[in-house]
Amino acid sequence: MRLVGASSSGACSVATMAGGSDTVWVAELLVSPRTEQKLVSKHGITVREVEDEVVCVAGLRGWWDHHPTRGRRLLLFVTIRGRPALVVLYPTVDTGVWNLGSAYLRS
């Protein structure tokens, strides 16, 4: 699993998010090799592009969703390469640390 942080100095502080739609803080992003490969091969998005839009970015808005088989996840709407994109994050036990589930460019 790859750990992505704010910077080499780890200068991000951590904030929390309540249920529903609220401001989200992503201090660290965990990305599995399988997810990284899927992003590039299936969706044409690099992990770096996702990182640039979500890690240590103030004011992100997220919405909780419950998937019947994958469980609770956070949906973020961001812009990648000037196009709307959906980023799917799964919470971890650590505040501000998220697992990247996927990212999709939207039309």
C-alpha atoms as a PDB file:
ATOM      1  CA  MET A   1       0.000   0.000   0.000  1.00  0.00           C
ATOM      2  CA  ARG A   2       1.317   3.434  -0.939  1.00  0.00           C
ATOM      3  CA  LEU A   3       1.036   6.289   1.558  1.00  0.00           C
ATOM      4  CA  VAL A   4       0.589   9.758   0.183  1.00  0.00           C
ATOM      5  CA  GLY A   5       1.024  12.701   2.520  1.00  0.00           C
ATOM      6  CA  ALA A   6       0.909  16.435   2.222  1.00  0.00           C
ATOM      7  CA  SER A   7       4.584  16.919   1.740  1.00  0.00           C
ATOM      8  CA  SER A   8       7.857  15.388   2.748  1.00  0.00           C
ATOM      9  CA  SER A   9       7.672  17.467   5.925  1.00  0.00           C
ATOM     10  CA  GLY A  10       4.148  16.186   6.736  1.00  0.00           C
ATOM     11  CA  ALA A  11       2.915  19.754   7.205  1.00  0.00           C
ATOM     12  CA  CYS A  12      -0.806  18.931   7.072  1.00  0.00           C
ATOM     13  CA  SER A  13      -2.966  19.247  10.110  1.00  0.00           C
ATOM     14  CA  VAL A  14      -6.046  17.052  10.399  1.00  0.00           C
ATOM     15  CA  ALA A  15      -9.709  18.054  10.507  1.00  0.00           C
ATOM     16  CA  THR A  16     -12.821  15.920  10.816  1.00  0.00           C
ATOM     17  CA  MET A  17     -16.055  15.612   8.898  1.00  0.00           C
ATOM     18  CA  ALA A  18     -19.578  15.137  10.166  1.00  0.00           C
ATOM     19  CA  GLY A  19     -22.234  13.067   8.396  1.00  0.00           C
ATOM     20  CA  GLY A  20     -24.017  14.291   5.280  1.00  0.00           C
ATOM     21  CA  SER A  21     -22.399  17.042   3.246  1.00  0.00           C
ATOM     22  CA  ASP A  22     -19.599  18.843   5.042  1.00  0.00           C
ATOM     23  CA  THR A  23     -16.037  20.004   4.637  1.00  0.00           C
ATOM     24  CA  VAL A  24     -13.570  17.141   4.329  1.00  0.00           C
ATOM     25  CA  TRP A  25      -9.857  17.087   5.114  1.00  0.00           C
ATOM     26  CA  VAL A  26      -7.561  14.508   3.538  1.00  0.00           C
ATOM     27  CA  ALA A  27      -4.178  14.607   5.251  1.00  0.00           C
ATOM     28  CA  GLU A  28      -3.006  11.235   3.928  1.00  0.00           C
ATOM     29  CA  LEU A  29      -4.203   9.022   1.096  1.00  0.00           C
ATOM     30  CA  LEU A  30      -3.531   5.275   1.061  1.00  0.00           C
ATOM     31  CA  VAL A  31      -3.480   3.689  -2.390  1.00  0.00           C
ATOM     32  CA  SER A  32      -3.152  -0.027  -3.078  1.00  0.00           C
ATOM     33  CA  PRO A  33      -1.146  -1.192  -6.108  1.00  0.00           C
ATOM     34  CA  ARG A  34      -4.341  -2.702  -7.550  1.00  0.00           C
ATOM     35  CA  THR A  35      -6.222   0.603  -7.270  1.00  0.00           C
ATOM     36  CA  GLU A  36      -3.310   2.515  -8.774  1.00  0.00           C
ATOM     37  CA  GLN A  37      -3.191   0.129 -11.737  1.00  0.00           C
ATOM     38  CA  LYS A  38      -6.981   0.316 -12.219  1.00  0.00           C
ATOM     39  CA  LEU A  39      -6.954   4.119 -12.223  1.00  0.00           C
ATOM     40  CA  VAL A  40      -4.406   4.257 -15.017  1.00  0.00           C
ATOM     41  CA  SER A  41      -5.557   1.328 -17.153  1.00  0.00           C
ATOM     42  CA  LYS A  42      -9.317   1.642 -16.814  1.00  0.00           C
ATOM     43  CA  HIS A  43      -9.935   5.319 -16.040  1.00  0.00           C
ATOM     44  CA  GLY A  44      -6.877   7.052 -17.522  1.00  0.00           C
ATOM     45  CA  ILE A  45      -6.136   8.916 -14.284  1.00  0.00           C
ATOM     46  CA  THR A  46      -2.889   8.855 -12.331  1.00  0.00           C
ATOM     47  CA  VAL A  47      -2.704   8.692  -8.552  1.00  0.00           C
ATOM     48  CA  ARG A  48      -0.733  11.940  -8.679  1.00  0.00           C
ATOM     49  CA  GLU A  49      -3.661  13.704 -10.371  1.00  0.00           C
ATOM     50  CA  VAL A  50      -5.993  12.538  -7.594  1.00  0.00           C
ATOM     51  CA  GLU A  51      -3.479  13.504  -4.900  1.00  0.00           C
ATOM     52  CA  ASP A  52      -3.146  16.993  -6.340  1.00  0.00           C
ATOM     53  CA  GLU A  53      -6.906  17.527  -6.030  1.00  0.00           C
ATOM     54  CA  VAL A  54      -7.592  16.008  -2.604  1.00  0.00           C
ATOM     55  CA  VAL A  55      -4.514  15.806  -0.321  1.00  0.00           C
ATOM     56  CA  CYS A  56      -4.263  18.860   1.955  1.00  0.00           C
ATOM     57  CA  VAL A  57      -6.829  20.806  -0.064  1.00  0.00           C
ATOM     58  CA  ALA A  58      -8.996  23.055   2.089  1.00  0.00           C
ATOM     59  CA  GLY A  59     -12.737  23.248   1.519  1.00  0.00           C
ATOM     60  CA  LEU A  60     -13.364  19.874  -0.109  1.00  0.00           C
ATOM     61  CA  ARG A  61     -17.043  18.932   0.022  1.00  0.00           C
ATOM     62  CA  GLY A  62     -17.970  15.314   0.466  1.00  0.00           C
ATOM     63  CA  TRP A  63     -21.092  13.223   0.714  1.00  0.00           C
ATOM     64  CA  TRP A  64     -21.413   9.939   2.542  1.00  0.00           C
ATOM     65  CA  ASP A  65     -22.799   7.013   0.586  1.00  0.00           C
ATOM     66  CA  HIS A  66     -23.518   3.462   1.667  1.00  0.00           C
ATOM     67  CA  HIS A  67     -22.719   0.811  -0.945  1.00  0.00           C
ATOM     68  CA  PRO A  68     -24.505  -2.520  -0.301  1.00  0.00           C
ATOM     69  CA  THR A  69     -21.328  -4.610  -0.599  1.00  0.00           C
ATOM     70  CA  ARG A  70     -18.483  -2.122  -0.061  1.00  0.00           C
ATOM     71  CA  GLY A  71     -19.951  -0.261   2.909  1.00  0.00           C
ATOM     72  CA  ARG A  72     -19.630   3.364   3.941  1.00  0.00           C
ATOM     73  CA  ARG A  73     -17.687   5.574   1.565  1.00  0.00           C
ATOM     74  CA  LEU A  74     -17.147   9.239   0.880  1.00  0.00           C
ATOM     75  CA  LEU A  75     -17.827  10.744  -2.544  1.00  0.00           C
ATOM     76  CA  LEU A  76     -15.867  13.848  -3.515  1.00  0.00           C
ATOM     77  CA  PHE A  77     -16.504  15.903  -6.619  1.00  0.00           C
ATOM     78  CA  VAL A  78     -13.327  17.585  -7.876  1.00  0.00           C
ATOM     79  CA  THR A  79     -11.794  18.751 -11.152  1.00  0.00           C
ATOM     80  CA  ILE A  80      -9.027  16.780 -12.874  1.00  0.00           C
ATOM     81  CA  ARG A  81      -7.513  18.137 -16.102  1.00  0.00           C
ATOM     82  CA  GLY A  82     -10.300  20.718 -16.255  1.00  0.00           C
ATOM     83  CA  ARG A  83     -12.978  18.012 -16.197  1.00  0.00           C
ATOM     84  CA  PRO A  84     -15.373  17.088 -13.408  1.00  0.00           C
ATOM     85  CA  ALA A  85     -14.300  13.960 -11.559  1.00  0.00           C
ATOM     86  CA  LEU A  86     -15.691  11.735  -8.827  1.00  0.00           C
ATOM     87  CA  VAL A  87     -13.256  10.445  -6.193  1.00  0.00           C
ATOM     88  CA  VAL A  88     -14.327   7.584  -3.909  1.00  0.00           C
ATOM     89  CA  LEU A  89     -12.671   7.401  -0.491  1.00  0.00           C
ATOM     90  CA  TYR A  90     -13.037   4.881   2.325  1.00  0.00           C
ATOM     91  CA  PRO A  91     -12.384   5.956   5.917  1.00  0.00           C
ATOM     92  CA  THR A  92      -9.682   4.419   8.065  1.00  0.00           C
ATOM     93  CA  VAL A  93      -9.439   4.321  11.851  1.00  0.00           C
ATOM     94  CA  ASP A  94      -7.197   7.414  11.742  1.00  0.00           C
ATOM     95  CA  THR A  95      -8.737  10.857  11.345  1.00  0.00           C
ATOM     96  CA  GLY A  96      -7.687  12.493   8.076  1.00  0.00           C
ATOM     97  CA  VAL A  97      -6.346   9.246   6.592  1.00  0.00           C
ATOM     98  CA  TRP A  98      -8.367   7.720   3.744  1.00  0.00           C
ATOM     99  CA  ASN A  99      -8.151   4.727   1.398  1.00  0.00           C
ATOM    100  CA  LEU A 100      -8.589   5.605  -2.262  1.00  0.00           C
ATOM    101  CA  GLY A 101     -11.311   3.433  -3.757  1.00  0.00           C
ATOM    102  CA  SER A 102     -11.424   4.889  -7.252  1.00  0.00           C
ATOM    103  CA  ALA A 103     -11.654   8.038  -9.348  1.00  0.00           C
ATOM    104  CA  TYR A 104     -13.678   8.665 -12.493  1.00  0.00           C
ATOM    105  CA  LEU A 105     -13.638  11.471 -15.016  1.00  0.00           C
ATOM    106  CA  ARG A 106     -17.202  12.613 -15.681  1.00  0.00           C
ATOM    107  CA  SER A 107     -18.542  14.052 -18.889  1.00  0.00           C
END
